[in-house]
Protein backbone atom coordinates (compact mmCIF):
# COMPACT_ATOMS: atom_id res chain seq x y z
CA MET A 1 -3.75 -5.74 -13.59
CA GLU A 2 -1.14 -8.31 -14.67
CA LYS A 3 -0.89 -11.34 -13.15
CA VAL A 4 2.74 -13.05 -12.14
CA VAL A 5 3.24 -16.91 -11.31
CA CYS A 6 7.23 -17.00 -9.41
CA GLU A 7 8.90 -20.23 -11.20
CA ILE A 8 10.59 -21.06 -7.64
CA CYS A 9 7.64 -21.46 -5.23
CA PHE A 10 4.54 -20.81 -7.77
CA TYR A 11 3.29 -18.18 -5.99
CA LYS A 12 1.19 -16.23 -7.84
CA GLY A 13 0.21 -12.10 -7.63
CA ASN A 14 -0.14 -8.99 -9.08
CA LYS A 15 2.90 -7.47 -10.96
CA MET A 16 3.02 -3.69 -8.79
CA GLU A 17 3.75 -7.35 -5.56
CA PHE A 18 6.51 -8.47 -7.11
CA GLU A 19 8.18 -4.84 -8.14
CA GLU A 20 7.41 -3.64 -4.71
CA SER A 21 9.60 -6.32 -2.87
CA SER A 22 12.76 -5.31 -4.78
CA ASP A 23 15.98 -6.35 -3.41
CA TYR A 24 19.43 -6.98 -4.14
CA CYS A 25 20.02 -9.51 -6.87
CA ILE A 26 23.35 -11.33 -6.52
CA GLU A 27 22.28 -12.40 -10.52
CA CYS A 28 22.27 -8.99 -11.86
CA VAL A 29 24.24 -6.97 -9.36
CA CYS A 30 21.42 -4.38 -9.00
CA ASP A 31 18.23 -3.57 -7.39
CA HIS A 32 15.20 -5.22 -8.40
CA ALA A 33 11.99 -7.25 -8.62
CA MET A 34 11.11 -10.08 -6.26
CA CYS A 35 8.63 -12.62 -5.76
CA PRO A 36 7.37 -11.01 -2.33
CA LYS A 37 6.83 -14.99 -0.37
CA CYS A 38 10.49 -16.58 -1.23
CA LYS A 39 12.55 -13.18 -2.40
CA LYS A 40 13.96 -14.91 -5.89
CA PRO A 41 14.60 -12.79 -8.55
CA TYR A 42 11.96 -10.73 -10.64
CA HIS A 43 13.62 -13.22 -13.64
CA ALA A 44 12.36 -16.21 -12.25
CA ALA A 45 8.52 -15.65 -13.27
CA ILE A 46 6.31 -15.67 -15.61
CA ILE A 47 3.40 -13.69 -16.97
CA THR A 48 0.67 -14.67 -16.64
CA GLU A 49 -2.70 -13.02 -17.52
């Protein structure tokens, strides 16, 4: 499973965790994945192996 690291709070978790934390994104004006810890949008994250 892909690991994702949030660039804001440096939380590291599975990509699925970020997808399960979906919420409304003001920047994109739609719902999409968020960091489960700091609730920042998924586009503020990097994918690691």
